[in-house]
Amino acid sequence: MNEEEKKALVELLYQLADDDLLVSYRGSEWLGLVPHIEEDVAYSSITQNTMGHAAIFYQILEELGEGNADHLAHARPATERKNAILLEDVNGPGHWLYNEPRYDWAFTVVRNYFYEITKKIKIDSLTKSKYEPLAQVAVKINTETLYHLMHWRTWFYQLINAEGEARNRMEQAIEKVWKDLGGLLSLGPNREGIVAAGLIESEDVLKERFNSEIKEVFNTLNLDFHGELKMERGDGRAGVHTDDLAEALASLSEVYNLNPTVPW
């Protein structure tokens, strides 16, 4: 692997790790607040799995000489993060600890369902990566990713088919999520280098697969397709972020920052 290929690999790994870290953190905020006890157990398991995926990607980065995996997860500032903007958005108003949370379950279901679709598409592509350790990791986590996708697909279909307020809120959430959905499949400023290194297929290929799958879902549920994937607030892969990210990192890393010597 030459220097350009290593640079592309590191860039992609940060994207994968930071995405999983943020979406799992937002999931952890739902503990005890989800619609019923069975979902509390299931969502907690999904969140734990996803955080584990992030840890694996950070560990590969450590092995590539990027620094300690715990530091990469907790101590990097928001300006260095490569996660998609959509994943840093708060679950809703309020705070899970300090004041009454009024989280939006429809938004969470839509964001997680679309995230798992895009993640599964990327993981499937990564199983054919020329970087063998990454391909092996993709194979390892593929089954868990499929389970996560099935879980959120069930919620998505049930709430859409419920009609009335449930469907209305889901349609509003779809419209909100779609505005930044393109960021999930962005490969960032070094997209050409990432593809040239044989690490993953091109954005166009990934987006085509997403559109094909989501159009089928929308047709089945009689939903309007929203057209081209957007990144209205910019590309998180290029370091464009919101204040929500800085606040999330401050909370997520609070314990680590008190004693960085404790393993994550």
Protein backbone atom coordinates (compact mmCIF):
# COMPACT_ATOMS: atom_id res chain seq x y z
CA MET A 1 0.00 0.00 0.00
CA ASN A 2 1.50 3.34 -1.04
CA GLU A 3 1.06 6.63 0.82
CA GLU A 4 -1.88 7.82 -1.29
CA GLU A 5 -3.72 4.54 -0.78
CA LYS A 6 -3.04 4.66 2.96
CA LYS A 7 -4.35 8.22 3.11
CA ALA A 8 -7.55 7.12 1.35
CA LEU A 9 -7.94 4.16 3.70
CA VAL A 10 -7.54 6.32 6.79
CA GLU A 11 -10.10 8.79 5.47
CA LEU A 12 -12.68 6.06 4.84
CA LEU A 13 -12.10 4.46 8.24
CA TYR A 14 -12.69 7.76 10.02
CA GLN A 15 -15.97 8.13 8.14
CA LEU A 16 -17.12 4.64 9.10
CA ALA A 17 -16.02 4.97 12.72
CA ASP A 18 -17.38 8.46 13.33
CA ASP A 19 -20.74 7.59 11.74
CA ASP A 20 -21.23 4.56 13.97
CA LEU A 21 -20.06 6.44 17.06
CA LEU A 22 -22.56 9.27 16.62
CA VAL A 23 -25.58 7.19 15.65
CA SER A 24 -24.96 4.83 18.58
CA TYR A 25 -24.61 7.75 20.98
CA ARG A 26 -27.96 9.16 19.86
CA GLY A 27 -29.39 5.70 20.36
CA SER A 28 -28.07 5.51 23.90
CA GLU A 29 -30.03 8.66 24.78
CA TRP A 30 -33.25 6.73 24.18
CA LEU A 31 -32.57 4.26 27.01
CA GLY A 32 -35.71 4.09 29.14
CA LEU A 33 -37.61 6.44 26.84
CA VAL A 34 -38.61 4.20 23.92
CA PRO A 35 -42.25 3.16 23.35
CA HIS A 36 -42.10 -0.16 25.27
CA ILE A 37 -39.79 -2.40 27.30
CA GLU A 38 -39.10 -4.89 24.49
CA GLU A 39 -37.87 -2.05 22.30
CA ASP A 40 -35.67 -0.81 25.14
CA VAL A 41 -33.86 -4.15 25.11
CA ALA A 42 -33.66 -4.38 21.32
CA TYR A 43 -32.53 -0.78 20.73
CA SER A 44 -29.95 -1.04 23.51
CA SER A 45 -28.54 -4.15 21.85
CA ILE A 46 -28.38 -2.43 18.46
CA THR A 47 -26.69 0.60 20.01
CA GLN A 48 -24.13 -1.60 21.75
CA ASN A 49 -23.41 -3.49 18.53
CA THR A 50 -22.97 -0.26 16.58
CA MET A 51 -20.63 1.19 19.18
CA GLY A 52 -18.67 -2.03 18.87
CA HIS A 53 -18.39 -1.52 15.13
CA ALA A 54 -17.03 1.97 15.73
CA ALA A 55 -14.47 0.53 18.15
CA ILE A 56 -13.30 -1.95 15.49
CA PHE A 57 -12.77 0.80 12.93
CA TYR A 58 -10.91 2.98 15.45
CA GLN A 59 -8.72 -0.01 16.33
CA ILE A 60 -7.72 -0.42 12.68
CA LEU A 61 -6.84 3.27 12.63
CA GLU A 62 -4.66 2.74 15.69
CA GLU A 63 -2.91 -0.14 13.92
CA LEU A 64 -2.27 2.17 10.97
CA GLY A 65 -0.47 4.62 13.24
CA GLU A 66 -3.24 7.20 13.77
CA GLY A 67 -2.94 7.10 17.55
CA ASN A 68 -4.70 5.45 20.45
CA ALA A 69 -8.18 4.18 19.55
CA ASP A 70 -9.76 5.64 22.71
CA HIS A 71 -8.25 9.02 21.94
CA LEU A 72 -9.52 8.88 18.37
CA ALA A 73 -13.04 8.15 19.58
CA HIS A 74 -13.21 10.63 22.45
CA ALA A 75 -10.60 13.35 22.22
CA ARG A 76 -10.67 14.53 18.61
CA PRO A 77 -12.42 17.92 18.28
CA ALA A 78 -15.61 18.34 16.28
CA THR A 79 -13.69 20.03 13.46
CA GLU A 80 -11.80 16.79 12.81
CA ARG A 81 -14.82 14.52 12.73
CA LYS A 82 -15.91 12.84 9.49
CA ASN A 83 -19.45 11.79 10.38
CA ALA A 84 -22.44 12.73 8.26
CA ILE A 85 -24.28 15.80 9.56
CA LEU A 86 -27.59 13.92 9.74
CA LEU A 87 -26.25 11.68 12.50
CA GLU A 88 -25.37 14.49 14.89
CA ASP A 89 -28.88 15.97 15.00
CA VAL A 90 -30.52 15.76 18.42
CA ASN A 91 -33.38 13.31 18.91
CA GLY A 92 -35.66 16.19 19.84
CA PRO A 93 -35.99 19.02 22.37
CA GLY A 94 -35.02 18.57 25.99
CA HIS A 95 -32.26 16.45 27.47
CA TRP A 96 -32.35 12.85 28.68
CA LEU A 97 -30.78 13.82 32.01
CA TYR A 98 -31.21 17.51 32.84
CA ASN A 99 -34.72 18.34 31.69
CA GLU A 100 -37.76 16.63 30.22
CA PRO A 101 -36.90 15.04 26.86
CA ARG A 102 -39.50 15.30 24.13
CA TYR A 103 -37.82 13.10 21.59
CA ASP A 104 -39.22 12.37 18.15
CA TRP A 105 -39.63 8.62 17.64
CA ALA A 106 -40.68 9.05 14.01
CA PHE A 107 -37.47 10.96 13.25
CA THR A 108 -35.42 8.30 15.04
CA VAL A 109 -37.07 5.46 13.13
CA VAL A 110 -36.60 7.16 9.75
CA ARG A 111 -33.01 8.22 10.44
CA ASN A 112 -32.03 4.78 11.71
CA TYR A 113 -33.81 2.92 8.91
CA PHE A 114 -32.18 4.99 6.20
CA TYR A 115 -28.84 4.81 8.00
CA GLU A 116 -28.98 1.02 8.16
CA ILE A 117 -29.90 0.79 4.47
CA THR A 118 -26.90 2.90 3.50
CA LYS A 119 -24.63 1.10 5.97
CA LYS A 120 -25.63 -2.32 4.63
CA ILE A 121 -24.94 -1.15 1.08
CA LYS A 122 -21.49 0.09 2.11
CA ILE A 123 -20.69 -3.00 4.17
CA ASP A 124 -21.64 -5.25 1.25
CA SER A 125 -19.26 -3.25 -0.94
CA LEU A 126 -16.52 -3.34 1.72
CA THR A 127 -16.56 -7.15 1.75
CA LYS A 128 -14.83 -6.88 -1.64
CA SER A 129 -12.32 -4.27 -0.47
CA LYS A 130 -8.71 -4.68 -1.61
CA TYR A 131 -7.59 -3.94 1.94
CA GLU A 132 -8.04 -7.41 3.42
CA PRO A 133 -8.41 -6.42 7.11
CA LEU A 134 -11.29 -4.08 6.18
CA ALA A 135 -12.93 -6.76 4.01
CA GLN A 136 -12.70 -9.24 6.89
CA VAL A 137 -14.25 -6.76 9.33
CA ALA A 138 -17.09 -6.10 6.88
CA VAL A 139 -17.86 -9.81 6.67
CA LYS A 140 -17.77 -10.03 10.46
CA ILE A 141 -20.27 -7.24 11.11
CA ASN A 142 -22.51 -7.88 8.11
CA THR A 143 -24.90 -10.18 9.97
CA GLU A 144 -25.43 -7.68 12.78
CA THR A 145 -26.02 -4.92 10.24
CA LEU A 146 -28.68 -7.05 8.56
CA TYR A 147 -30.42 -7.58 11.92
CA HIS A 148 -30.37 -3.84 12.61
CA LEU A 149 -31.84 -3.14 9.18
CA MET A 150 -34.64 -5.67 9.70
CA HIS A 151 -35.47 -4.10 13.07
CA TRP A 152 -35.85 -0.56 11.74
CA ARG A 153 -37.60 -1.76 8.61
CA THR A 154 -40.30 -3.32 10.80
CA TRP A 155 -40.83 -0.07 12.70
CA PHE A 156 -40.85 1.94 9.47
CA TYR A 157 -43.50 -0.23 7.82
CA GLN A 158 -45.68 -0.47 10.93
CA LEU A 159 -45.80 3.27 11.53
CA ILE A 160 -46.38 4.14 7.88
CA ASN A 161 -49.16 1.56 7.61
CA ALA A 162 -50.77 2.78 10.83
CA GLU A 163 -52.12 5.79 8.92
CA GLY A 164 -53.43 8.88 10.73
CA GLU A 165 -51.04 10.80 12.97
CA ALA A 166 -48.40 8.07 12.83
CA ARG A 167 -48.12 8.24 9.03
CA ASN A 168 -48.22 12.04 9.03
CA ARG A 169 -45.35 12.25 11.50
CA MET A 170 -43.37 9.67 9.56
CA GLU A 171 -43.84 11.60 6.31
CA GLN A 172 -42.64 14.76 8.04
CA ALA A 173 -39.61 12.88 9.35
CA ILE A 174 -38.82 11.53 5.89
CA GLU A 175 -38.89 15.05 4.48
CA LYS A 176 -36.58 16.26 7.26
CA VAL A 177 -34.10 13.39 6.94
CA TRP A 178 -34.00 13.54 3.15
CA LYS A 179 -32.51 17.06 3.22
CA ASP A 180 -29.19 15.67 4.47
CA LEU A 181 -29.48 12.02 3.48
CA GLY A 182 -26.84 12.31 0.76
CA GLY A 183 -24.20 12.78 3.44
CA LEU A 184 -24.51 9.14 4.48
CA LEU A 185 -23.25 7.97 1.09
CA SER A 186 -20.69 10.71 0.58
CA LEU A 187 -17.07 9.57 0.45
CA GLY A 188 -15.84 13.11 1.05
CA PRO A 189 -13.26 15.26 -0.71
CA ASN A 190 -10.96 12.28 -1.37
CA ARG A 191 -13.72 10.19 -2.95
CA GLU A 192 -11.68 9.54 -6.10
CA GLY A 193 -8.68 8.33 -4.13
CA ILE A 194 -10.84 6.05 -1.98
CA VAL A 195 -12.38 4.41 -5.03
CA ALA A 196 -9.07 4.27 -6.94
CA ALA A 197 -7.51 2.40 -4.01
CA GLY A 198 -10.15 -0.31 -4.42
CA LEU A 199 -11.51 0.20 -0.92
CA ILE A 200 -15.18 0.62 -1.81
CA GLU A 201 -17.30 1.21 -4.88
CA SER A 202 -18.07 4.71 -6.14
CA GLU A 203 -20.68 7.05 -4.71
CA ASP A 204 -22.70 6.73 -7.91
CA VAL A 205 -22.89 2.96 -7.54
CA LEU A 206 -23.79 3.17 -3.86
CA LYS A 207 -26.46 5.81 -4.51
CA GLU A 208 -27.93 3.80 -7.37
CA ARG A 209 -28.35 0.82 -5.05
CA PHE A 210 -29.92 2.98 -2.36
CA ASN A 211 -32.34 4.60 -4.79
CA SER A 212 -33.34 1.22 -6.20
CA GLU A 213 -34.09 -0.15 -2.76
CA ILE A 214 -35.85 2.89 -1.36
CA LYS A 215 -38.01 3.36 -4.46
CA GLU A 216 -39.31 -0.17 -4.01
CA VAL A 217 -40.08 0.55 -0.36
CA PHE A 218 -41.82 3.82 -1.19
CA ASN A 219 -43.88 2.23 -3.96
CA THR A 220 -45.01 -0.53 -1.60
CA LEU A 221 -46.06 2.00 1.04
CA ASN A 222 -47.52 4.56 -1.41
CA LEU A 223 -44.97 7.22 -0.45
CA ASP A 224 -43.71 9.97 -2.73
CA PHE A 225 -40.08 9.58 -3.78
CA HIS A 226 -38.17 12.74 -2.85
CA GLY A 227 -35.73 12.67 -5.75
CA GLU A 228 -32.00 13.28 -5.72
CA LEU A 229 -30.17 12.74 -2.43
CA LYS A 230 -29.29 16.04 -0.80
CA MET A 231 -26.72 17.56 1.55
CA GLU A 232 -28.39 20.90 2.24
CA ARG A 233 -26.21 21.74 5.25
CA GLY A 234 -22.97 20.56 3.67
CA ASP A 235 -20.76 17.48 3.82
CA GLY A 236 -19.66 16.27 7.24
CA ARG A 237 -16.84 14.34 5.55
CA ALA A 238 -15.32 17.73 4.71
CA GLY A 239 -15.55 18.95 8.32
CA VAL A 240 -18.87 20.78 8.06
CA HIS A 241 -20.80 20.23 11.30
CA THR A 242 -23.41 21.71 13.63
CA ASP A 243 -23.37 22.74 17.27
CA ASP A 244 -25.18 19.49 18.04
CA LEU A 245 -21.97 17.58 17.34
CA ALA A 246 -19.86 19.57 19.81
CA GLU A 247 -22.51 19.10 22.50
CA ALA A 248 -22.75 15.37 21.79
CA LEU A 249 -18.98 14.93 21.99
CA ALA A 250 -18.80 16.85 25.27
CA SER A 251 -21.34 14.49 26.83
CA LEU A 252 -20.01 11.33 25.19
CA SER A 253 -16.42 12.02 26.26
CA GLU A 254 -17.06 13.45 29.72
CA VAL A 255 -15.93 10.37 31.65
CA TYR A 256 -12.99 9.71 29.33
CA ASN A 257 -11.73 13.24 29.74
CA LEU A 258 -11.79 12.86 33.53
CA ASN A 259 -9.38 9.94 33.29
CA PRO A 260 -8.04 9.18 29.78
CA THR A 261 -6.00 6.25 31.09
CA VAL A 262 -9.13 4.15 31.63
CA PRO A 263 -9.80 1.89 28.61
CA TRP A 264 -12.88 2.77 26.57
